[in-house]
Amino acid sequence: MTTDDTAQQKKIINRLRRAQGQLAAVITAVEAGGSCKDVVTQLAAVSSALDRAGFVIVSTAMRECLDNPAAENSLTVDELEKLFLTLA
């Protein structure tokens, strides 16, 4: 794994951990009978964090496929497009 790959992986993990923390806050708010506004605001933050993590994962896969299209785990253009559209 290159330094660039490690940096990308760290970014993804940080985004997912942020989403995990935000989701825990949503659960706590619901359990405590928090206001609808607070719950929805936190839920929107979770959704946004997960979307951003997904986009980073897909963009990383796109770069890897462009850099090394013959790699064993390389995705086709159609597969990448399908992954991207699942996030839309």
PDB file of N, CA and C in Angstrom:
ATOM      1  N   MET A   1       0.842  -1.169   0.000  1.00  0.00           N
ATOM      2  CA  MET A   1       0.000   0.000   0.000  1.00  0.00           C
ATOM      3  C   MET A   1       0.893   1.241   0.000  1.00  0.00           C
ATOM      4  N   THR A   2       0.609   2.177  -0.907  1.00  0.00           N
ATOM      5  CA  THR A   2       1.422   3.383  -0.993  1.00  0.00           C
ATOM      6  C   THR A   2       1.004   4.383   0.074  1.00  0.00           C
ATOM      7  N   THR A   3       1.821   5.414   0.236  1.00  0.00           N
ATOM      8  CA  THR A   3       1.503   6.471   1.199  1.00  0.00           C
ATOM      9  C   THR A   3       0.194   7.153   0.827  1.00  0.00           C
ATOM     10  N   ASP A   4      -0.033   7.341  -0.479  1.00  0.00           N
ATOM     11  CA  ASP A   4      -1.272   7.957  -0.958  1.00  0.00           C
ATOM     12  C   ASP A   4      -2.475   7.082  -0.618  1.00  0.00           C
ATOM     13  N   ASP A   5      -2.336   5.757  -0.802  1.00  0.00           N
ATOM     14  CA  ASP A   5      -3.405   4.822  -0.468  1.00  0.00           C
ATOM     15  C   ASP A   5      -3.709   4.861   1.022  1.00  0.00           C
ATOM     16  N   THR A   6      -2.666   4.919   1.824  1.00  0.00           N
ATOM     17  CA  THR A   6      -2.835   4.963   3.273  1.00  0.00           C
ATOM     18  C   THR A   6      -3.549   6.247   3.681  1.00  0.00           C
ATOM     19  N   ALA A   7      -3.211   7.350   3.053  1.00  0.00           N
ATOM     20  CA  ALA A   7      -3.859   8.627   3.359  1.00  0.00           C
ATOM     21  C   ALA A   7      -5.337   8.579   2.985  1.00  0.00           C
ATOM     22  N   GLN A   8      -5.642   8.007   1.828  1.00  0.00           N
ATOM     23  CA  GLN A   8      -7.034   7.884   1.401  1.00  0.00           C
ATOM     24  C   GLN A   8      -7.813   6.984   2.362  1.00  0.00           C
ATOM     25  N   GLN A   9      -7.206   5.877   2.744  1.00  0.00           N
ATOM     26  CA  GLN A   9      -7.860   4.959   3.667  1.00  0.00           C
ATOM     27  C   GLN A   9      -8.134   5.653   5.005  1.00  0.00           C
ATOM     28  N   LYS A  10      -7.190   6.448   5.456  1.00  0.00           N
ATOM     29  CA  LYS A  10      -7.356   7.171   6.717  1.00  0.00           C
ATOM     30  C   LYS A  10      -8.514   8.164   6.612  1.00  0.00           C
ATOM     31  N   LYS A  11      -8.617   8.869   5.473  1.00  0.00           N
ATOM     32  CA  LYS A  11      -9.723   9.798   5.249  1.00  0.00           C
ATOM     33  C   LYS A  11     -11.064   9.070   5.309  1.00  0.00           C
ATOM     34  N   ILE A  12     -11.126   7.923   4.648  1.00  0.00           N
ATOM     35  CA  ILE A  12     -12.371   7.153   4.621  1.00  0.00           C
ATOM     36  C   ILE A  12     -12.742   6.693   6.029  1.00  0.00           C
ATOM     37  N   ILE A  13     -11.781   6.151   6.747  1.00  0.00           N
ATOM     38  CA  ILE A  13     -12.036   5.670   8.105  1.00  0.00           C
ATOM     39  C   ILE A  13     -12.478   6.828   8.997  1.00  0.00           C
ATOM     40  N   ASN A  14     -11.839   7.991   8.879  1.00  0.00           N
ATOM     41  CA  ASN A  14     -12.242   9.148   9.678  1.00  0.00           C
ATOM     42  C   ASN A  14     -13.673   9.565   9.384  1.00  0.00           C
ATOM     43  N   ARG A  15     -14.046   9.575   8.119  1.00  0.00           N
ATOM     44  CA  ARG A  15     -15.419   9.935   7.745  1.00  0.00           C
ATOM     45  C   ARG A  15     -16.417   8.923   8.298  1.00  0.00           C
ATOM     46  N   LEU A  16     -16.074   7.653   8.221  1.00  0.00           N
ATOM     47  CA  LEU A  16     -16.976   6.620   8.737  1.00  0.00           C
ATOM     48  C   LEU A  16     -17.090   6.687  10.258  1.00  0.00           C
ATOM     49  N   ARG A  17     -15.995   6.972  10.926  1.00  0.00           N
ATOM     50  CA  ARG A  17     -16.050   7.120  12.395  1.00  0.00           C
ATOM     51  C   ARG A  17     -16.882   8.338  12.786  1.00  0.00           C
ATOM     52  N   ARG A  18     -16.765   9.404  12.017  1.00  0.00           N
ATOM     53  CA  ARG A  18     -17.573  10.592  12.276  1.00  0.00           C
ATOM     54  C   ARG A  18     -19.057  10.237  12.130  1.00  0.00           C
ATOM     55  N   ALA A  19     -19.383   9.516  11.079  1.00  0.00           N
ATOM     56  CA  ALA A  19     -20.771   9.099  10.865  1.00  0.00           C
ATOM     57  C   ALA A  19     -21.239   8.188  11.998  1.00  0.00           C
ATOM     58  N   GLN A  20     -20.365   7.310  12.456  1.00  0.00           N
ATOM     59  CA  GLN A  20     -20.700   6.413  13.560  1.00  0.00           C
ATOM     60  C   GLN A  20     -21.032   7.215  14.824  1.00  0.00           C
ATOM     61  N   GLY A  21     -20.235   8.216  15.110  1.00  0.00           N
ATOM     62  CA  GLY A  21     -20.485   9.062  16.272  1.00  0.00           C
ATOM     63  C   GLY A  21     -21.782   9.840  16.139  1.00  0.00           C
ATOM     64  N   GLN A  22     -22.039  10.337  14.945  1.00  0.00           N
ATOM     65  CA  GLN A  22     -23.281  11.073  14.702  1.00  0.00           C
ATOM     66  C   GLN A  22     -24.491  10.150  14.824  1.00  0.00           C
ATOM     67  N   LEU A  23     -24.360   8.915  14.351  1.00  0.00           N
ATOM     68  CA  LEU A  23     -25.454   7.959  14.471  1.00  0.00           C
ATOM     69  C   LEU A  23     -25.720   7.622  15.934  1.00  0.00           C
ATOM     70  N   ALA A  24     -24.657   7.488  16.715  1.00  0.00           N
ATOM     71  CA  ALA A  24     -24.830   7.241  18.150  1.00  0.00           C
ATOM     72  C   ALA A  24     -25.590   8.403  18.789  1.00  0.00           C
ATOM     73  N   ALA A  25     -25.301   9.632  18.359  1.00  0.00           N
ATOM     74  CA  ALA A  25     -26.020  10.794  18.887  1.00  0.00           C
ATOM     75  C   ALA A  25     -27.497  10.758  18.495  1.00  0.00           C
ATOM     76  N   VAL A  26     -27.791  10.288  17.287  1.00  0.00           N
ATOM     77  CA  VAL A  26     -29.188  10.161  16.848  1.00  0.00           C
ATOM     78  C   VAL A  26     -29.912   9.151  17.735  1.00  0.00           C
ATOM     79  N   ILE A  27     -29.293   8.016  17.953  1.00  0.00           N
ATOM     80  CA  ILE A  27     -29.902   6.971  18.781  1.00  0.00           C
ATOM     81  C   ILE A  27     -30.150   7.487  20.193  1.00  0.00           C
ATOM     82  N   THR A  28     -29.162   8.158  20.751  1.00  0.00           N
ATOM     83  CA  THR A  28     -29.302   8.722  22.100  1.00  0.00           C
ATOM     84  C   THR A  28     -30.439   9.741  22.145  1.00  0.00           C
ATOM     85  N   ALA A  29     -30.519  10.590  21.133  1.00  0.00           N
ATOM     86  CA  ALA A  29     -31.576  11.604  21.087  1.00  0.00           C
ATOM     87  C   ALA A  29     -32.952  10.967  20.996  1.00  0.00           C
ATOM     88  N   VAL A  30     -33.080   9.925  20.188  1.00  0.00           N
ATOM     89  CA  VAL A  30     -34.367   9.235  20.055  1.00  0.00           C
ATOM     90  C   VAL A  30     -34.730   8.558  21.372  1.00  0.00           C
ATOM     91  N   GLU A  31     -33.767   7.875  21.978  1.00  0.00           N
ATOM     92  CA  GLU A  31     -34.018   7.194  23.258  1.00  0.00           C
ATOM     93  C   GLU A  31     -34.407   8.184  24.359  1.00  0.00           C
ATOM     94  N   ALA A  32     -33.834   9.386  24.307  1.00  0.00           N
ATOM     95  CA  ALA A  32     -34.097  10.397  25.335  1.00  0.00           C
ATOM     96  C   ALA A  32     -35.314  11.254  25.005  1.00  0.00           C
ATOM     97  N   GLY A  33     -35.953  10.953  23.886  1.00  0.00           N
ATOM     98  CA  GLY A  33     -37.123  11.745  23.500  1.00  0.00           C
ATOM     99  C   GLY A  33     -36.750  13.129  23.007  1.00  0.00           C
ATOM    100  N   GLY A  34     -35.616  13.219  22.340  1.00  0.00           N
ATOM    101  CA  GLY A  34     -35.142  14.501  21.821  1.00  0.00           C
ATOM    102  C   GLY A  34     -36.114  15.099  20.820  1.00  0.00           C
ATOM    103  N   SER A  35     -35.937  16.385  20.576  1.00  0.00           N
ATOM    104  CA  SER A  35     -36.843  17.069  19.654  1.00  0.00           C
ATOM    105  C   SER A  35     -36.678  16.534  18.234  1.00  0.00           C
ATOM    106  N   CYS A  36     -37.736  16.602  17.500  1.00  0.00           N
ATOM    107  CA  CYS A  36     -37.730  16.150  16.104  1.00  0.00           C
ATOM    108  C   CYS A  36     -36.660  16.884  15.313  1.00  0.00           C
ATOM    109  N   LYS A  37     -36.543  18.195  15.531  1.00  0.00           N
ATOM    110  CA  LYS A  37     -35.565  19.005  14.809  1.00  0.00           C
ATOM    111  C   LYS A  37     -34.144  18.508  15.079  1.00  0.00           C
ATOM    112  N   ASP A  38     -33.820  18.249  16.336  1.00  0.00           N
ATOM    113  CA  ASP A  38     -32.477  17.779  16.687  1.00  0.00           C
ATOM    114  C   ASP A  38     -32.183  16.422  16.072  1.00  0.00           C
ATOM    115  N   VAL A  39     -33.160  15.522  16.133  1.00  0.00           N
ATOM    116  CA  VAL A  39     -32.973  14.173  15.582  1.00  0.00           C
ATOM    117  C   VAL A  39     -32.768  14.241  14.074  1.00  0.00           C
ATOM    118  N   VAL A  40     -33.600  15.004  13.396  1.00  0.00           N
ATOM    119  CA  VAL A  40     -33.493  15.102  11.928  1.00  0.00           C
ATOM    120  C   VAL A  40     -32.183  15.784  11.525  1.00  0.00           C
ATOM    121  N   THR A  41     -31.770  16.794  12.260  1.00  0.00           N
ATOM    122  CA  THR A  41     -30.511  17.473  11.971  1.00  0.00           C
ATOM    123  C   THR A  41     -29.334  16.499  12.089  1.00  0.00           C
ATOM    124  N   GLN A  42     -29.305  15.734  13.168  1.00  0.00           N
ATOM    125  CA  GLN A  42     -28.240  14.748  13.357  1.00  0.00           C
ATOM    126  C   GLN A  42     -28.307  13.660  12.294  1.00  0.00           C
ATOM    127  N   LEU A  43     -29.510  13.228  11.947  1.00  0.00           N
ATOM    128  CA  LEU A  43     -29.672  12.195  10.921  1.00  0.00           C
ATOM    129  C   LEU A  43     -29.168  12.689   9.566  1.00  0.00           C
ATOM    130  N   ALA A  44     -29.432  13.948   9.268  1.00  0.00           N
ATOM    131  CA  ALA A  44     -28.929  14.533   8.016  1.00  0.00           C
ATOM    132  C   ALA A  44     -27.407  14.555   8.015  1.00  0.00           C
ATOM    133  N   ALA A  45     -26.805  14.836   9.159  1.00  0.00           N
ATOM    134  CA  ALA A  45     -25.339  14.843   9.262  1.00  0.00           C
ATOM    135  C   ALA A  45     -24.776  13.446   9.026  1.00  0.00           C
ATOM    136  N   VAL A  46     -25.443  12.429   9.575  1.00  0.00           N
ATOM    137  CA  VAL A  46     -25.013  11.041   9.358  1.00  0.00           C
ATOM    138  C   VAL A  46     -25.080  10.698   7.878  1.00  0.00           C
ATOM    139  N   SER A  47     -26.189  11.027   7.270  1.00  0.00           N
ATOM    140  CA  SER A  47     -26.385  10.722   5.853  1.00  0.00           C
ATOM    141  C   SER A  47     -25.318  11.398   4.993  1.00  0.00           C
ATOM    142  N   SER A  48     -25.040  12.656   5.282  1.00  0.00           N
ATOM    143  CA  SER A  48     -24.038  13.404   4.531  1.00  0.00           C
ATOM    144  C   SER A  48     -22.642  12.806   4.717  1.00  0.00           C
ATOM    145  N   ALA A  49     -22.303  12.437   5.939  1.00  0.00           N
ATOM    146  CA  ALA A  49     -20.984  11.844   6.202  1.00  0.00           C
ATOM    147  C   ALA A  49     -20.826  10.519   5.468  1.00  0.00           C
ATOM    148  N   LEU A  50     -21.884   9.710   5.448  1.00  0.00           N
ATOM    149  CA  LEU A  50     -21.822   8.434   4.737  1.00  0.00           C
ATOM    150  C   LEU A  50     -21.710   8.649   3.229  1.00  0.00           C
ATOM    151  N   ASP A  51     -22.458   9.623   2.718  1.00  0.00           N
ATOM    152  CA  ASP A  51     -22.364   9.928   1.285  1.00  0.00           C
ATOM    153  C   ASP A  51     -20.949  10.342   0.907  1.00  0.00           C
ATOM    154  N   ARG A  52     -20.353  11.224   1.706  1.00  0.00           N
ATOM    155  CA  ARG A  52     -18.990  11.678   1.409  1.00  0.00           C
ATOM    156  C   ARG A  52     -17.999  10.520   1.461  1.00  0.00           C
ATOM    157  N   ALA A  53     -18.168   9.640   2.430  1.00  0.00           N
ATOM    158  CA  ALA A  53     -17.278   8.473   2.501  1.00  0.00           C
ATOM    159  C   ALA A  53     -17.456   7.604   1.267  1.00  0.00           C
ATOM    160  N   GLY A  54     -18.677   7.410   0.846  1.00  0.00           N
ATOM    161  CA  GLY A  54     -18.943   6.613  -0.353  1.00  0.00           C
ATOM    162  C   GLY A  54     -18.315   7.212  -1.588  1.00  0.00           C
ATOM    163  N   PHE A  55     -18.416   8.530  -1.735  1.00  0.00           N
ATOM    164  CA  PHE A  55     -17.812   9.192  -2.892  1.00  0.00           C
ATOM    165  C   PHE A  55     -16.292   9.069  -2.879  1.00  0.00           C
ATOM    166  N   VAL A  56     -15.695   9.158  -1.711  1.00  0.00           N
ATOM    167  CA  VAL A  56     -14.236   8.994  -1.617  1.00  0.00           C
ATOM    168  C   VAL A  56     -13.853   7.569  -2.014  1.00  0.00           C
ATOM    169  N   ILE A  57     -14.623   6.587  -1.568  1.00  0.00           N
ATOM    170  CA  ILE A  57     -14.345   5.185  -1.919  1.00  0.00           C
ATOM    171  C   ILE A  57     -14.446   4.984  -3.425  1.00  0.00           C
ATOM    172  N   VAL A  58     -15.511   5.501  -4.031  1.00  0.00           N
ATOM    173  CA  VAL A  58     -15.685   5.340  -5.481  1.00  0.00           C
ATOM    174  C   VAL A  58     -14.597   6.090  -6.237  1.00  0.00           C
ATOM    175  N   SER A  59     -14.254   7.305  -5.817  1.00  0.00           N
ATOM    176  CA  SER A  59     -13.222   8.050  -6.537  1.00  0.00           C
ATOM    177  C   SER A  59     -11.865   7.364  -6.412  1.00  0.00           C
ATOM    178  N   THR A  60     -11.613   6.752  -5.268  1.00  0.00           N
ATOM    179  CA  THR A  60     -10.372   5.992  -5.097  1.00  0.00           C
ATOM    180  C   THR A  60     -10.343   4.798  -6.047  1.00  0.00           C
ATOM    181  N   ALA A  61     -11.469   4.110  -6.160  1.00  0.00           N
ATOM    182  CA  ALA A  61     -11.555   2.971  -7.080  1.00  0.00           C
ATOM    183  C   ALA A  61     -11.352   3.425  -8.519  1.00  0.00           C
ATOM    184  N   MET A  62     -11.905   4.589  -8.869  1.00  0.00           N
ATOM    185  CA  MET A  62     -11.739   5.102 -10.225  1.00  0.00           C
ATOM    186  C   MET A  62     -10.263   5.384 -10.510  1.00  0.00           C
ATOM    187  N   ARG A  63      -9.579   6.013  -9.553  1.00  0.00           N
ATOM    188  CA  ARG A  63      -8.154   6.296  -9.750  1.00  0.00           C
ATOM    189  C   ARG A  63      -7.348   5.019  -9.881  1.00  0.00           C
ATOM    190  N   GLU A  64      -7.664   4.042  -9.050  1.00  0.00           N
ATOM    191  CA  GLU A  64      -6.940   2.768  -9.112  1.00  0.00           C
ATOM    192  C   GLU A  64      -7.152   2.080 -10.449  1.00  0.00           C
ATOM    193  N   CYS A  65      -8.374   2.134 -10.954  1.00  0.00           N
ATOM    194  CA  CYS A  65      -8.660   1.504 -12.243  1.00  0.00           C
ATOM    195  C   CYS A  65      -7.953   2.210 -13.393  1.00  0.00           C
ATOM    196  N   LEU A  66      -7.840   3.526 -13.302  1.00  0.00           N
ATOM    197  CA  LEU A  66      -7.134   4.269 -14.339  1.00  0.00           C
ATOM    198  C   LEU A  66      -5.639   4.020 -14.280  1.00  0.00           C
ATOM    199  N   ASP A  67      -5.108   3.915 -13.060  1.00  0.00           N
ATOM    200  CA  ASP A  67      -3.679   3.684 -12.884  1.00  0.00           C
ATOM    201  C   ASP A  67      -3.263   2.270 -13.256  1.00  0.00           C
ATOM    202  N   ASN A  68      -4.136   1.306 -13.003  1.00  0.00           N
ATOM    203  CA  ASN A  68      -3.787  -0.093 -13.227  1.00  0.00           C
ATOM    204  C   ASN A  68      -5.020  -0.879 -13.686  1.00  0.00           C
ATOM    205  N   PRO A  69      -5.445  -0.674 -14.941  1.00  0.00           N
ATOM    206  CA  PRO A  69      -6.673  -1.319 -15.417  1.00  0.00           C
ATOM    207  C   PRO A  69      -6.586  -2.844 -15.506  1.00  0.00           C
ATOM    208  N   ALA A  70      -5.389  -3.395 -15.506  1.00  0.00           N
ATOM    209  CA  ALA A  70      -5.235  -4.848 -15.612  1.00  0.00           C
ATOM    210  C   ALA A  70      -5.192  -5.533 -14.242  1.00  0.00           C
ATOM    211  N   ALA A  71      -5.334  -4.764 -13.178  1.00  0.00           N
ATOM    212  CA  ALA A  71      -5.282  -5.340 -11.827  1.00  0.00           C
ATOM    213  C   ALA A  71      -6.415  -6.337 -11.629  1.00  0.00           C
ATOM    214  N   GLU A  72      -6.154  -7.309 -10.791  1.00  0.00           N
ATOM    215  CA  GLU A  72      -7.120  -8.387 -10.548  1.00  0.00           C
ATOM    216  C   GLU A  72      -8.465  -7.876 -10.034  1.00  0.00           C
ATOM    217  N   ASN A  73      -8.452  -6.900  -9.144  1.00  0.00           N
ATOM    218  CA  ASN A  73      -9.703  -6.403  -8.567  1.00  0.00           C
ATOM    219  C   ASN A  73     -10.200  -5.126  -9.245  1.00  0.00           C
ATOM    220  N   SER A  74      -9.672  -4.813 -10.419  1.00  0.00           N
ATOM    221  CA  SER A  74     -10.064  -3.619 -11.154  1.00  0.00           C
ATOM    222  C   SER A  74     -11.511  -3.733 -11.617  1.00  0.00           C
ATOM    223  N   LEU A  75     -12.217  -2.608 -11.592  1.00  0.00           N
ATOM    224  CA  LEU A  75     -13.615  -2.566 -12.013  1.00  0.00           C
ATOM    225  C   LEU A  75     -13.719  -2.030 -13.428  1.00  0.00           C
ATOM    226  N   THR A  76     -14.766  -2.451 -14.117  1.00  0.00           N
ATOM    227  CA  THR A  76     -15.018  -1.914 -15.453  1.00  0.00           C
ATOM    228  C   THR A  76     -15.660  -0.535 -15.311  1.00  0.00           C
ATOM    229  N   VAL A  77     -15.717   0.192 -16.408  1.00  0.00           N
ATOM    230  CA  VAL A  77     -16.356   1.501 -16.410  1.00  0.00           C
ATOM    231  C   VAL A  77     -17.821   1.359 -16.003  1.00  0.00           C
ATOM    232  N   ASP A  78     -18.497   0.333 -16.510  1.00  0.00           N
ATOM    233  CA  ASP A  78     -19.902   0.109 -16.159  1.00  0.00           C
ATOM    234  C   ASP A  78     -20.073  -0.172 -14.666  1.00  0.00           C
ATOM    235  N   GLU A  79     -19.168  -0.947 -14.093  1.00  0.00           N
ATOM    236  CA  GLU A  79     -19.240  -1.246 -12.662  1.00  0.00           C
ATOM    237  C   GLU A  79     -19.011   0.014 -11.827  1.00  0.00           C
ATOM    238  N   LEU A  80     -18.040   0.827 -12.241  1.00  0.00           N
ATOM    239  CA  LEU A  80     -17.790   2.090 -11.534  1.00  0.00           C
ATOM    240  C   LEU A  80     -18.993   3.034 -11.619  1.00  0.00           C
ATOM    241  N   GLU A  81     -19.582   3.089 -12.816  1.00  0.00           N
ATOM    242  CA  GLU A  81     -20.765   3.945 -12.993  1.00  0.00           C
ATOM    243  C   GLU A  81     -21.904   3.468 -12.100  1.00  0.00           C
ATOM    244  N   LYS A  82     -22.108   2.185 -12.036  1.00  0.00           N
ATOM    245  CA  LYS A  82     -23.171   1.623 -11.210  1.00  0.00           C
ATOM    246  C   LYS A  82     -22.922   1.950  -9.731  1.00  0.00           C
ATOM    247  N   LEU A  83     -21.683   1.812  -9.275  1.00  0.00           N
ATOM    248  CA  LEU A  83     -21.339   2.154  -7.892  1.00  0.00           C
ATOM    249  C   LEU A  83     -21.613   3.630  -7.624  1.00  0.00           C
ATOM    250  N   PHE A  84     -21.191   4.473  -8.540  1.00  0.00           N
ATOM    251  CA  PHE A  84     -21.392   5.913  -8.372  1.00  0.00           C
ATOM    252  C   PHE A  84     -22.876   6.243  -8.286  1.00  0.00           C
ATOM    253  N   LEU A  85     -23.663   5.647  -9.164  1.00  0.00           N
ATOM    254  CA  LEU A  85     -25.098   5.949  -9.201  1.00  0.00           C
ATOM    255  C   LEU A  85     -25.843   5.421  -7.971  1.00  0.00           C
ATOM    256  N   THR A  86     -25.317   4.404  -7.322  1.00  0.00           N
ATOM    257  CA  THR A  86     -25.975   3.919  -6.104  1.00  0.00           C
ATOM    258  C   THR A  86     -25.895   4.951  -4.988  1.00  0.00           C
ATOM    259  N   LEU A  87     -24.932   5.866  -5.080  1.00  0.00           N
ATOM    260  CA  LEU A  87     -24.798   6.920  -4.078  1.00  0.00           C
ATOM    261  C   LEU A  87     -25.663   8.142  -4.389  1.00  0.00           C
ATOM    262  N   ALA A  88     -26.129   8.227  -5.625  1.00  0.00           N
ATOM    263  CA  ALA A  88     -26.915   9.407  -6.039  1.00  0.00           C
ATOM    264  C   ALA A  88     -28.322   9.358  -5.476  1.00  0.00           C
TER     265      ALA A  88
END
